[in-house]
Protein backbone atom coordinates (compact mmCIF):
# COMPACT_ATOMS: atom_id res chain seq x y z
CA MET A 1 -23.32 95.40 108.02
CA GLN A 2 -21.60 98.61 109.29
CA VAL A 3 -21.55 101.37 106.78
CA ARG A 4 -19.02 104.41 106.39
CA PRO A 5 -18.40 107.26 104.08
CA ASP A 6 -15.29 106.79 102.06
CA MET A 7 -12.44 108.11 103.07
CA SER A 8 -8.94 108.28 101.26
CA LEU A 9 -5.81 108.06 103.94
CA GLU A 10 -5.05 111.91 103.75
CA ALA A 11 -8.16 112.61 104.72
CA THR A 12 -8.55 110.31 107.93
CA SER A 13 -4.66 110.80 109.05
CA ASP A 14 -5.67 112.23 112.45
CA LEU A 15 -8.33 109.79 113.60
CA TRP A 16 -5.64 107.74 115.38
CA TRP A 17 -7.77 105.87 117.11
CA LYS A 18 -8.89 104.44 114.33
CA ASN A 19 -5.77 101.74 114.15
CA ALA A 20 -4.53 101.94 117.00
CA VAL A 21 -3.63 98.85 119.10
CA VAL A 22 -4.15 100.21 122.99
CA TYR A 23 -2.56 98.62 126.17
CA CYS A 24 -4.12 99.10 129.47
CA VAL A 25 -1.37 99.24 132.22
CA ASP A 26 -2.16 98.85 135.98
CA VAL A 27 0.89 100.56 136.86
CA GLN A 28 1.03 98.76 140.25
CA SER A 29 1.81 96.13 138.97
CA PHE A 30 4.03 96.29 135.95
CA LEU A 31 7.61 96.85 136.61
CA ASP A 32 8.95 97.99 140.07
CA ALA A 33 11.86 100.06 139.59
CA ASP A 34 12.85 101.13 142.65
CA GLY A 35 12.47 97.92 144.78
CA ASP A 36 9.43 98.53 147.05
CA GLY A 37 7.60 95.71 145.80
CA VAL A 38 4.87 98.29 143.98
CA GLY A 39 5.34 98.79 140.12
CA ASP A 40 6.15 102.42 138.98
CA LEU A 41 6.41 105.24 136.44
CA ASP A 42 9.77 104.74 136.11
CA GLY A 43 9.31 101.12 135.75
CA LEU A 44 7.20 101.17 132.72
CA THR A 45 9.41 103.88 130.99
CA GLN A 46 11.66 100.88 131.04
CA ARG A 47 9.49 99.24 128.96
CA VAL A 48 8.46 101.25 126.57
CA ASP A 49 10.95 99.72 124.62
CA TYR A 50 9.46 96.40 124.67
CA LEU A 51 6.07 98.02 123.96
CA ALA A 52 7.13 99.54 121.03
CA GLY A 53 8.43 96.40 119.34
CA LEU A 54 5.02 94.66 120.50
CA GLY A 55 3.78 96.92 117.96
CA VAL A 56 1.59 99.11 121.15
CA THR A 57 0.68 102.58 119.47
CA CYS A 58 -1.58 103.76 122.50
CA LEU A 59 -0.50 102.95 126.47
CA TRP A 60 -3.77 103.33 128.32
CA LEU A 61 -3.00 103.63 132.43
CA MET A 62 -5.01 102.37 134.84
CA PRO A 63 -5.86 105.47 137.77
CA ILE A 64 -2.40 106.79 139.39
CA TYR A 65 -4.03 110.00 141.23
CA PRO A 66 -3.74 109.72 144.97
CA SER A 67 -6.17 107.59 146.54
CA PRO A 68 -6.93 105.83 149.68
CA GLU A 69 -7.64 102.99 147.65
CA ARG A 70 -10.39 102.08 148.91
CA ASP A 71 -11.56 100.69 144.98
CA TYR A 72 -7.59 100.62 143.38
CA GLY A 73 -7.49 103.90 142.70
CA TYR A 74 -10.73 104.63 141.24
CA ASP A 75 -11.81 106.43 144.21
CA VAL A 76 -9.75 109.68 143.79
CA ALA A 77 -8.70 111.96 146.17
CA ASP A 78 -6.68 114.50 144.24
CA TYR A 79 -7.07 115.27 140.39
CA TYR A 80 -3.84 117.04 139.90
CA GLY A 81 -1.19 114.65 141.12
CA VAL A 82 0.56 111.23 140.97
CA ALA A 83 0.26 109.07 143.81
CA ASP A 84 3.96 108.71 145.71
CA LYS A 85 4.33 105.14 145.21
CA TYR A 86 4.21 105.44 141.27
CA GLY A 87 6.55 108.42 141.39
CA SER A 88 5.86 112.03 140.51
CA LEU A 89 3.93 114.26 137.83
CA GLY A 90 8.13 114.50 136.49
CA ASP A 91 7.99 111.11 135.88
CA LEU A 92 4.85 111.07 133.93
CA VAL A 93 5.76 113.50 131.97
CA GLU A 94 9.07 111.56 130.97
CA LEU A 95 7.11 108.60 130.84
CA VAL A 96 4.88 110.61 128.01
CA ARG A 97 7.89 111.67 125.86
CA VAL A 98 9.36 108.35 126.01
CA ALA A 99 6.75 107.26 124.55
CA ARG A 100 6.25 109.99 122.21
CA GLU A 101 9.49 109.08 120.77
CA ARG A 102 8.67 105.20 120.33
CA GLY A 103 5.41 106.38 118.71
CA ILE A 104 3.56 105.45 121.43
CA ARG A 105 0.18 107.85 123.11
CA VAL A 106 -0.59 107.71 126.00
CA ILE A 107 -3.85 108.19 127.27
CA ALA A 108 -5.27 107.94 131.00
CA ASP A 109 -8.47 106.82 133.03
CA LEU A 110 -10.59 109.87 133.78
CA VAL A 111 -12.91 108.94 137.01
CA VAL A 112 -15.55 111.85 137.18
CA ASN A 113 -18.73 110.64 138.25
CA HIS A 114 -17.31 110.56 141.82
CA THR A 115 -14.09 111.18 143.96
CA SER A 116 -13.16 109.38 147.05
CA ILE A 117 -15.23 110.54 150.05
CA ASP A 118 -11.42 111.75 151.43
CA HIS A 119 -11.46 114.26 148.49
CA PRO A 120 -10.84 117.94 149.76
CA TRP A 121 -14.13 118.71 147.67
CA PHE A 122 -16.55 116.45 149.75
CA GLN A 123 -15.00 117.15 152.71
CA ALA A 124 -15.77 120.82 152.47
CA ALA A 125 -19.34 119.68 151.17
CA ARG A 126 -20.08 117.71 153.93
CA ARG A 127 -19.18 120.57 156.68
CA GLY A 128 -21.51 122.90 154.90
CA HIS A 129 -19.33 124.96 152.53
CA PRO A 130 -21.20 127.56 150.27
CA VAL A 131 -19.54 126.52 147.12
CA PHE A 132 -18.54 122.76 147.75
CA ARG A 133 -21.54 121.74 149.62
CA ASP A 134 -23.48 121.84 145.77
CA PHE A 135 -20.76 119.74 144.42
CA TYR A 136 -22.13 116.43 145.08
CA VAL A 137 -25.69 115.14 145.33
CA TRP A 138 -27.52 115.34 148.06
CA ALA A 139 -31.04 114.49 149.79
CA ASP A 140 -32.47 115.50 153.45
CA ALA A 141 -34.71 112.41 153.26
CA LYS A 142 -33.53 108.70 152.24
CA PRO A 143 -34.75 108.53 148.90
CA PRO A 144 -37.58 105.39 148.79
CA ASN A 145 -35.78 103.95 145.21
CA ALA A 146 -32.70 104.22 147.15
CA ASP A 147 -31.56 100.24 146.99
CA GLU A 148 -32.65 100.14 142.80
CA GLY A 149 -29.48 100.23 140.87
CA ILE A 150 -27.15 98.55 142.71
CA ILE A 151 -24.00 98.52 141.09
CA PHE A 152 -22.11 95.66 143.37
CA PRO A 153 -24.58 93.11 144.57
CA GLY A 154 -23.54 91.26 147.50
CA GLN A 155 -21.39 94.35 148.39
CA GLN A 156 -23.41 97.11 148.17
CA GLU A 157 -27.02 97.58 149.90
CA SER A 158 -27.80 101.00 149.01
CA VAL A 159 -27.06 104.35 146.58
CA TRP A 160 -27.57 106.96 149.11
CA SER A 161 -25.57 107.02 152.49
CA TYR A 162 -26.53 109.11 155.29
CA ASP A 163 -24.06 111.33 156.18
CA ARG A 164 -23.60 112.59 160.00
CA SER A 165 -21.71 115.72 159.68
CA ALA A 166 -23.71 117.10 157.03
CA ARG A 167 -27.10 115.43 158.49
CA ARG A 168 -28.29 114.54 154.59
CA TRP A 169 -28.26 111.69 152.65
CA TYR A 170 -25.70 111.37 149.00
CA MET A 171 -25.77 109.43 146.24
CA HIS A 172 -23.39 107.21 145.29
CA ARG A 173 -23.98 105.08 142.30
CA PHE A 174 -20.93 102.87 143.34
CA TYR A 175 -19.77 102.39 146.99
CA PRO A 176 -20.34 104.56 149.72
CA HIS A 177 -17.11 105.68 149.70
CA GLN A 178 -17.25 107.49 146.48
CA PRO A 179 -19.59 110.28 146.71
CA ASP A 180 -21.24 111.08 143.58
CA LEU A 181 -20.69 114.75 141.64
CA ASN A 182 -23.11 116.57 140.76
CA ILE A 183 -22.42 118.08 136.95
CA ASN A 184 -26.17 119.77 137.26
CA ASN A 185 -23.73 122.38 138.80
CA PRO A 186 -21.38 124.68 136.03
CA LEU A 187 -18.74 125.06 139.13
CA VAL A 188 -17.96 121.13 139.25
CA ARG A 189 -18.10 121.20 134.73
CA ASN A 190 -15.82 123.60 135.05
CA GLU A 191 -13.24 121.83 137.63
CA ILE A 192 -13.54 118.96 135.40
CA HIS A 193 -12.80 120.80 132.41
CA LYS A 194 -9.51 121.80 134.32
CA VAL A 195 -9.06 118.41 135.42
CA ILE A 196 -8.84 117.44 131.46
CA GLY A 197 -6.71 120.81 130.70
CA PHE A 198 -4.16 120.14 133.08
CA TRP A 199 -3.46 116.53 132.20
CA LEU A 200 -3.71 117.33 128.29
CA GLU A 201 -0.75 120.04 129.08
CA LEU A 202 1.19 117.26 130.15
CA GLY A 203 1.01 115.59 126.85
CA LEU A 204 -1.94 112.65 127.43
CA SER A 205 -3.39 112.18 124.09
CA GLY A 206 -6.79 111.45 125.67
CA PHE A 207 -8.81 109.59 128.15
CA ARG A 208 -10.68 106.67 128.77
CA VAL A 209 -13.79 107.55 130.41
CA ASP A 210 -14.75 105.48 133.20
CA ALA A 211 -18.98 104.83 134.07
CA VAL A 212 -20.04 106.75 131.17
CA PRO A 213 -23.79 106.25 131.62
CA PHE A 214 -23.73 106.70 135.15
CA LEU A 215 -21.78 110.21 134.44
CA ILE A 216 -24.46 111.73 132.95
CA GLU A 217 -27.45 110.47 135.35
CA GLN A 218 -29.52 113.56 135.90
CA VAL A 219 -30.30 112.70 139.83
CA GLY A 220 -30.78 115.71 142.57
CA GLY A 221 -30.68 118.49 139.86
CA SER A 222 -32.84 120.68 137.67
CA ASN A 223 -30.78 123.44 135.76
CA PRO A 224 -32.24 124.09 132.55
CA ALA A 225 -28.92 124.82 131.18
CA VAL A 226 -27.92 120.79 131.48
CA ALA A 227 -31.90 119.56 130.51
CA ASP A 228 -29.70 117.22 127.89
CA PRO A 229 -27.42 114.74 129.61
CA HIS A 230 -25.73 114.43 126.55
CA GLY A 231 -25.11 117.64 125.73
CA TYR A 232 -23.04 117.22 128.67
CA LEU A 233 -20.50 114.85 126.91
CA ARG A 234 -20.57 117.73 123.93
CA ASP A 235 -19.31 119.70 126.39
CA LEU A 236 -16.48 117.49 127.61
CA ARG A 237 -15.35 117.09 123.68
CA ASP A 238 -15.57 120.31 122.51
CA PHE A 239 -13.57 121.54 125.63
CA MET A 240 -10.85 119.10 125.23
CA THR A 241 -11.02 119.45 121.05
CA ARG A 242 -10.14 123.19 121.70
CA ARG A 243 -7.14 122.68 123.93
CA ARG A 244 -5.97 119.36 122.06
CA GLY A 245 -7.71 118.61 118.51
CA ASP A 246 -6.16 115.70 117.98
CA ALA A 247 -7.24 114.09 122.13
CA MET A 248 -9.77 111.27 122.01
CA LEU A 249 -12.13 109.92 124.09
CA LEU A 250 -12.77 106.58 124.85
CA ALA A 251 -16.08 105.53 126.95
CA GLU A 252 -17.01 102.67 129.21
CA ALA A 253 -20.67 102.39 128.46
CA ASN A 254 -21.54 99.04 129.24
CA GLU A 255 -25.73 99.72 127.39
CA PRO A 256 -27.92 98.17 125.44
CA ALA A 257 -27.14 97.98 121.32
CA ALA A 258 -30.15 100.77 121.08
CA LYS A 259 -28.65 103.00 123.42
CA LEU A 260 -24.73 103.13 122.15
CA THR A 261 -25.68 105.73 119.58
CA ARG A 262 -26.51 108.61 122.15
CA PHE A 263 -22.55 108.31 123.49
CA VAL A 264 -21.38 109.22 120.22
CA GLY A 265 -23.90 111.26 118.98
CA GLU A 266 -26.12 111.43 115.51
CA HIS A 267 -22.99 113.88 114.43
CA GLY A 268 -19.99 112.24 115.96
CA ASP A 269 -19.03 114.95 118.35
CA GLN A 270 -19.04 113.15 122.03
CA MET A 271 -17.43 110.08 122.98
CA HIS A 272 -15.18 108.73 120.11
CA MET A 273 -14.90 105.44 120.29
CA LEU A 274 -17.09 102.72 122.41
CA PHE A 275 -16.21 99.79 124.21
CA SER A 276 -17.80 97.10 122.41
CA PHE A 277 -19.02 94.98 125.82
CA ILE A 278 -22.16 93.32 123.54
CA VAL A 279 -19.83 91.59 121.14
CA ASN A 280 -16.96 90.83 124.06
CA GLN A 281 -20.00 89.09 126.04
CA ALA A 282 -21.04 87.06 122.74
CA LEU A 283 -17.77 85.82 122.31
CA TYR A 284 -17.23 84.08 125.59
CA LEU A 285 -20.74 82.06 124.72
CA ALA A 286 -19.21 81.15 121.52
CA PHE A 287 -15.93 80.04 122.89
CA VAL A 288 -18.32 77.95 125.25
CA ARG A 289 -20.61 76.70 122.57
CA GLY A 290 -18.16 76.32 119.55
CA ASP A 291 -21.10 78.22 118.05
CA ALA A 292 -20.10 81.59 115.68
CA THR A 293 -23.71 82.36 115.74
CA PRO A 294 -23.82 84.73 119.06
CA VAL A 295 -20.87 86.59 117.59
CA ALA A 296 -22.81 87.31 114.06
CA ASP A 297 -25.36 88.24 115.49
CA ALA A 298 -23.93 90.43 117.95
CA LEU A 299 -22.15 91.82 115.60
CA ARG A 300 -25.10 92.54 113.12
CA SER A 301 -26.87 94.56 116.29
CA LEU A 302 -24.07 96.99 116.64
CA PRO A 303 -25.73 99.96 115.36
CA PRO A 304 -23.81 101.96 112.92
CA LEU A 305 -21.09 104.88 113.78
CA PRO A 306 -20.03 107.92 112.65
CA PRO A 307 -17.40 108.21 110.33
CA GLU A 308 -14.92 109.42 112.99
CA ALA A 309 -16.16 106.91 116.09
CA GLN A 310 -14.81 103.53 116.77
CA TRP A 311 -15.73 100.41 118.48
CA ALA A 312 -12.83 99.04 120.72
CA ASN A 313 -12.48 95.59 121.07
CA PHE A 314 -11.13 93.38 124.05
CA ILE A 315 -10.62 89.70 124.77
CA LYS A 316 -10.33 90.37 128.60
CA ASN A 317 -10.62 93.68 130.82
CA HIS A 318 -9.11 95.01 133.71
CA ASP A 319 -12.58 94.33 135.73
CA GLU A 320 -14.09 90.82 136.26
CA ALA A 321 -15.53 89.84 133.00
CA SER A 322 -18.87 91.07 132.72
CA LEU A 323 -21.81 88.70 131.11
CA ASP A 324 -24.61 90.76 132.43
CA LYS A 325 -25.80 91.18 128.79
CA LEU A 326 -26.25 87.59 128.36
CA THR A 327 -29.60 85.53 129.31
CA ASP A 328 -29.34 83.67 132.94
CA ALA A 329 -29.39 80.50 131.00
CA GLU A 330 -26.47 82.10 128.85
CA ARG A 331 -24.27 83.12 131.78
CA ALA A 332 -25.03 79.89 133.20
CA GLU A 333 -23.11 78.34 130.68
CA VAL A 334 -19.98 80.77 130.72
CA PHE A 335 -19.88 80.46 134.27
CA ALA A 336 -20.01 76.30 134.52
CA ALA A 337 -17.56 76.13 131.79
CA PHE A 338 -15.34 79.33 132.44
CA GLY A 339 -15.85 79.92 136.45
CA PRO A 340 -17.25 76.72 138.33
CA ASN A 341 -16.32 77.56 141.42
CA ALA A 342 -18.51 80.43 142.89
CA SER A 343 -14.86 81.90 144.15
CA MET A 344 -14.15 82.37 140.87
CA GLN A 345 -17.58 84.60 140.30
CA LEU A 346 -18.56 88.27 141.06
CA PHE A 347 -21.57 90.28 141.48
CA ASP A 348 -23.35 87.76 139.90
CA ARG A 349 -22.48 88.57 136.62
CA GLY A 350 -19.00 87.97 136.01
CA ILE A 351 -15.89 86.07 135.81
CA ARG A 352 -12.58 87.35 138.06
CA ARG A 353 -10.04 85.00 135.59
CA ARG A 354 -8.16 86.25 132.55
CA PHE A 355 -8.74 84.53 129.37
CA ALA A 356 -5.47 82.28 129.14
CA THR A 357 -6.94 80.19 132.50
CA MET A 358 -10.48 80.02 131.61
CA VAL A 359 -9.26 77.79 128.42
CA ASP A 360 -6.26 76.61 130.82
CA GLY A 361 -3.82 77.82 128.09
CA ASN A 362 -4.61 76.01 125.08
CA ARG A 363 -2.85 77.76 122.70
CA ALA A 364 -5.57 77.20 119.73
CA ARG A 365 -8.24 78.65 121.60
CA LEU A 366 -5.69 81.62 122.74
CA GLU A 367 -4.72 82.19 119.13
CA LEU A 368 -8.65 82.06 117.96
CA ALA A 369 -9.72 84.69 120.41
CA TYR A 370 -6.97 87.20 119.83
CA SER A 371 -6.86 86.63 116.09
CA LEU A 372 -10.58 87.66 116.18
CA LEU A 373 -9.39 90.41 118.72
CA PHE A 374 -6.91 91.80 115.79
CA SER A 375 -9.20 91.24 113.10
CA LEU A 376 -12.85 92.25 114.36
CA PRO A 377 -14.26 95.75 112.98
CA GLY A 378 -12.80 98.66 115.26
CA THR A 379 -9.31 98.97 117.99
CA PRO A 380 -8.30 96.40 119.47
CA VAL A 381 -7.52 96.74 123.24
CA LEU A 382 -4.89 94.52 125.02
CA PHE A 383 -4.77 94.49 128.86
CA TYR A 384 -1.47 93.69 130.29
CA GLY A 385 0.38 90.24 129.93
CA GLU A 386 -2.09 88.79 127.68
CA GLU A 387 0.43 88.84 125.41
CA ILE A 388 2.04 86.14 127.06
CA GLY A 389 -0.92 84.68 127.87
CA LEU A 390 -0.61 85.72 131.89
CA GLY A 391 -2.63 83.97 134.54
CA ASP A 392 -4.87 85.25 137.56
CA ASP A 393 -3.72 84.87 141.27
CA GLN A 394 -7.59 83.37 143.04
CA ARG A 395 -6.33 84.15 146.27
CA MET A 396 -6.54 87.95 145.55
CA ALA A 397 -9.37 89.70 146.37
CA ASP A 398 -12.60 90.77 144.31
CA ARG A 399 -11.15 92.01 140.46
CA GLU A 400 -7.56 92.03 141.79
CA ALA A 401 -7.23 88.47 141.09
CA VAL A 402 -6.66 89.76 137.65
CA ARG A 403 -4.31 92.20 138.11
CA VAL A 404 -0.87 89.98 138.78
CA PRO A 405 2.35 91.58 138.37
CA MET A 406 4.03 91.20 135.25
CA GLN A 407 6.04 88.13 134.85
CA TRP A 408 9.22 89.41 133.38
CA ALA A 409 11.81 86.86 133.76
CA ASP A 410 12.73 83.11 135.62
CA ARG A 411 13.96 84.89 138.92
CA PRO A 412 12.77 86.02 142.14
CA GLY A 413 10.20 88.30 142.00
CA GLY A 414 9.18 87.25 138.16
CA GLY A 415 11.49 89.78 137.16
CA PHE A 416 8.65 92.25 138.49
CA THR A 417 10.37 93.40 141.91
CA THR A 418 14.25 93.09 143.50
CA ALA A 419 11.95 93.20 147.26
CA ALA A 420 11.27 89.83 148.79
CA GLU A 421 7.82 88.01 147.90
CA SER A 422 6.72 88.03 150.84
CA LYS A 423 6.74 91.79 151.36
CA VAL A 424 5.40 92.44 147.80
CA PRO A 425 1.28 93.55 148.16
CA ARG A 426 0.82 91.53 145.28
CA ARG A 427 2.67 88.73 144.78
CA PRO A 428 4.20 87.24 142.18
CA LEU A 429 2.90 84.00 140.39
CA ARG A 430 5.71 81.83 140.82
CA ASP A 431 4.59 77.99 140.56
CA GLY A 432 2.74 75.83 138.38
CA PRO A 433 1.62 76.30 134.68
CA PHE A 434 0.97 79.91 135.12
CA GLY A 435 3.85 80.73 137.23
CA TYR A 436 6.81 82.94 136.27
CA ARG A 437 9.57 79.81 136.21
CA THR A 438 7.12 78.60 133.24
CA LEU A 439 6.04 81.69 131.69
CA ASN A 440 7.83 85.03 131.35
CA VAL A 441 8.97 87.16 128.59
CA GLU A 442 12.61 86.56 128.04
CA ALA A 443 11.90 82.89 127.65
CA GLN A 444 8.64 84.04 125.04
CA GLU A 445 11.27 86.29 123.68
CA ARG A 446 13.57 83.47 122.46
CA ASP A 447 11.29 81.04 121.55
CA PRO A 448 10.15 81.76 117.70
CA GLY A 449 6.92 79.84 118.31
CA SER A 450 6.45 81.50 121.20
CA LEU A 451 2.48 83.52 122.08
CA LEU A 452 4.17 86.85 122.22
CA ASN A 453 5.85 86.24 119.12
CA TRP A 454 2.82 85.11 117.55
CA MET A 455 1.03 88.73 118.74
CA GLU A 456 3.70 90.37 117.66
CA ARG A 457 3.31 89.09 113.51
CA ALA A 458 -0.30 89.55 114.10
CA ILE A 459 -0.17 93.00 115.38
CA ARG A 460 2.17 93.83 112.65
CA THR A 461 -0.06 92.33 109.83
CA ARG A 462 -3.12 94.36 111.16
CA LYS A 463 -1.05 97.72 110.98
CA GLU A 464 -0.07 96.76 107.37
CA TRP A 465 -3.63 96.29 106.60
CA PRO A 466 -5.87 99.25 107.80
CA GLU A 467 -8.46 97.87 106.27
CA PHE A 468 -9.50 96.43 109.50
CA GLY A 469 -9.82 99.62 111.34
CA TRP A 470 -11.29 101.73 108.57
CA GLY A 471 -13.30 99.21 106.30
CA ASP A 472 -16.77 99.08 105.56
CA TRP A 473 -17.47 95.99 107.14
CA ARG A 474 -20.19 93.40 106.90
CA VAL A 475 -20.61 89.47 108.36
CA LEU A 476 -20.82 86.95 105.84
CA GLY A 477 -22.95 83.74 105.25
CA THR A 478 -20.62 80.41 105.91
CA ARG A 479 -22.90 77.71 105.73
CA SER A 480 -21.63 76.82 109.02
CA PRO A 481 -22.76 77.54 112.21
CA ALA A 482 -19.20 77.22 113.61
CA THR A 483 -17.64 79.67 111.76
CA LEU A 484 -17.82 83.05 111.22
CA ALA A 485 -16.69 84.74 108.20
CA HIS A 486 -16.66 88.97 107.93
CA VAL A 487 -15.05 91.00 105.24
CA ALA A 488 -13.90 94.88 105.56
CA THR A 489 -13.40 97.34 101.99
CA TRP A 490 -11.63 100.81 102.25
CA ASP A 491 -9.54 102.63 99.71
CA GLY A 492 -9.22 100.06 97.23
CA GLY A 493 -8.30 97.22 99.73
CA SER A 494 -10.43 94.53 101.46
CA VAL A 495 -9.72 92.11 103.89
CA LEU A 496 -11.91 88.53 104.45
CA ALA A 497 -11.23 86.49 108.57
CA VAL A 498 -12.74 83.47 109.22
CA HIS A 499 -12.69 81.85 112.22
CA ASN A 500 -14.10 78.52 113.51
CA PHE A 501 -14.85 78.05 117.10
CA ALA A 502 -15.22 74.53 116.93
CA ASP A 503 -12.98 71.75 118.08
CA ALA A 504 -13.17 70.08 114.54
CA PRO A 505 -12.12 71.25 111.27
CA ALA A 506 -14.32 73.10 109.21
CA ARG A 507 -15.07 74.41 105.65
CA VAL A 508 -15.91 78.36 104.94
CA SER A 509 -17.76 78.86 101.73
CA VAL A 510 -18.65 82.28 101.59
CA THR A 511 -20.11 84.79 98.62
CA LEU A 512 -17.82 87.89 98.18
CA PRO A 513 -19.85 91.59 98.46
CA ASP A 514 -19.28 93.25 94.81
CA ASP A 515 -17.17 95.67 96.30
CA ALA A 516 -14.75 92.48 97.30
CA ALA A 517 -15.21 90.76 94.55
CA GLN A 518 -12.47 91.31 91.82
CA GLY A 519 -8.70 91.23 91.97
CA ARG A 520 -6.60 88.43 93.47
CA TRP A 521 -6.91 87.39 97.13
CA ARG A 522 -4.07 86.45 99.25
CA HIS A 523 -3.12 84.48 102.49
CA ILE A 524 -2.20 87.42 104.94
CA PHE A 525 -2.09 86.05 108.44
CA GLY A 526 -2.83 82.60 110.02
CA PRO A 527 -1.33 78.96 110.66
CA GLY A 528 1.20 76.98 108.70
CA ASP A 529 2.04 78.07 105.09
CA ALA A 530 -1.48 78.61 103.47
CA ASP A 531 -2.73 78.61 100.03
CA ALA A 532 -4.26 81.37 98.74
CA PRO A 533 -8.19 81.04 99.22
CA ARG A 534 -10.50 79.53 96.42
CA VAL A 535 -12.02 81.76 94.68
CA ARG A 536 -14.92 80.95 91.54
CA ASP A 537 -18.11 82.72 90.56
CA GLY A 538 -17.81 85.33 93.15
CA ARG A 539 -17.55 82.39 95.97
CA LEU A 540 -14.17 81.89 98.19
CA THR A 541 -13.91 78.93 100.30
CA ALA A 542 -11.17 78.30 102.31
CA GLU A 543 -10.36 75.00 104.60
CA LEU A 544 -9.93 75.41 108.60
CA GLU A 545 -8.84 73.33 111.47
CA ALA A 546 -10.31 73.02 114.86
CA TYR A 547 -10.06 76.55 116.73
CA GLY A 548 -8.30 77.57 112.62
CA TYR A 549 -8.59 80.95 111.58
CA HIS A 550 -6.97 82.80 108.17
CA TRP A 551 -6.79 86.50 107.41
CA PHE A 552 -6.68 86.93 103.49
CA GLY A 553 -5.96 89.90 101.76
CA ARG A 554 -6.50 91.73 98.05
CA ARG A 555 -5.87 95.15 96.82
CA GLU A 556 -5.94 96.98 93.58
CA GLY A 557 -3.67 96.09 91.07
CA VAL A 558 -1.57 94.26 93.78
């Protein structure tokens, strides 16, 4: 059970992330406005009205910084610029302005665990510059544990590499072309502050912080001022809050449940939001088994968060679908069902497919998954294209397989670009059930029964019931292993979501908690024209079709 202090709407009006709808965009793959085959900021700006219509309230930009792109832009070469292919700082400011006028905030990836090896800081450091040489983590001899903690098995042999210019070894938790910054150095901290302050001045509302556990890793430093690595996260939070009081930090921290609260802090003074990797991985196992038990167990395992903090839920992110928190046997189950070919798997832990292709476009299973996403306790995060069931391209390398061009229309280039498809770096999917000839935004906008229109209704209902994001929540027993039920209560209202993971009908019967047992329950979202649930002696009963779902709500005096 998650317990949060009671808060009125007035007292929580500044904590916008608690009930946001976050939409992650890879700018390169969204819309090409200048016809060069690469998506850009101008193209994204042209689609802000589309995002507003969908119900998005927060736009998350994957890296747009200048970069040699050996790691899809996460190898940053300049923290203060925009890569030429995406446009200019002026284009970014225009995007932020247009989004703000539509009620959409913009956040961006903050990649400060490491830089590109091409970054001027590292180039100066390897030449022995008296200031920049200590911006990175060095060793005179190769550490004996250099092969421990590898992030990319099969593509990475060590977390230390030798630099001939410096004649020393440097640390890189990721690829050799991504040397780790030394956060023990106060000058490095100051530079990161400057980076944060710069983008906040341009109008950003916060950051998704990349690789947070490695960012605070204490290696090669003994500065007594940073004896507590989490003190650095508090420092980041304090600085950002001074510059912009309503800015938010969303942390990528794929850690065991026992460690997660360390990243928000006992008093909520570090990260504002944490991706819920534990629940996400349990969802995949539950989808495969047709059994809700893994999700119920995962939800119950989550530690309570401070009132200001929030979980960020997702079905598919911009990387491989990581299954590292599952056991070997559980991971093998999911691989067999959703990534049966070795080429679909990545780093021995993940699947490089989108969810729509994992379930072969099955509409019932898609609705089940995204009904869960929008009703789970926390804030929902969509990856671009999920709203139309966008597929993946297994011809593309590694993580790029899921970053296919957005499909806007049934015309050459899929409406993504006017360039010849043969010249587009990421070629649009043209044929088959997931190609743009069959699956695109224009066709789904015209179809009242499309997945896109279903997503709009789900998001609208979610926003009408802030209890999902704000409420004290708990998982309820259902008397059926195939079904999941959870209830959230806040400010006099309650919502109850029930989901059936099985391919056969099921009945849900739950005992309502005392704070949700009174009042009239009504159906607020789900397939068909469902009747109000049956409530008798504090028990609520509902019938669910195969892969069925329903949301019910009640409010005092209504």
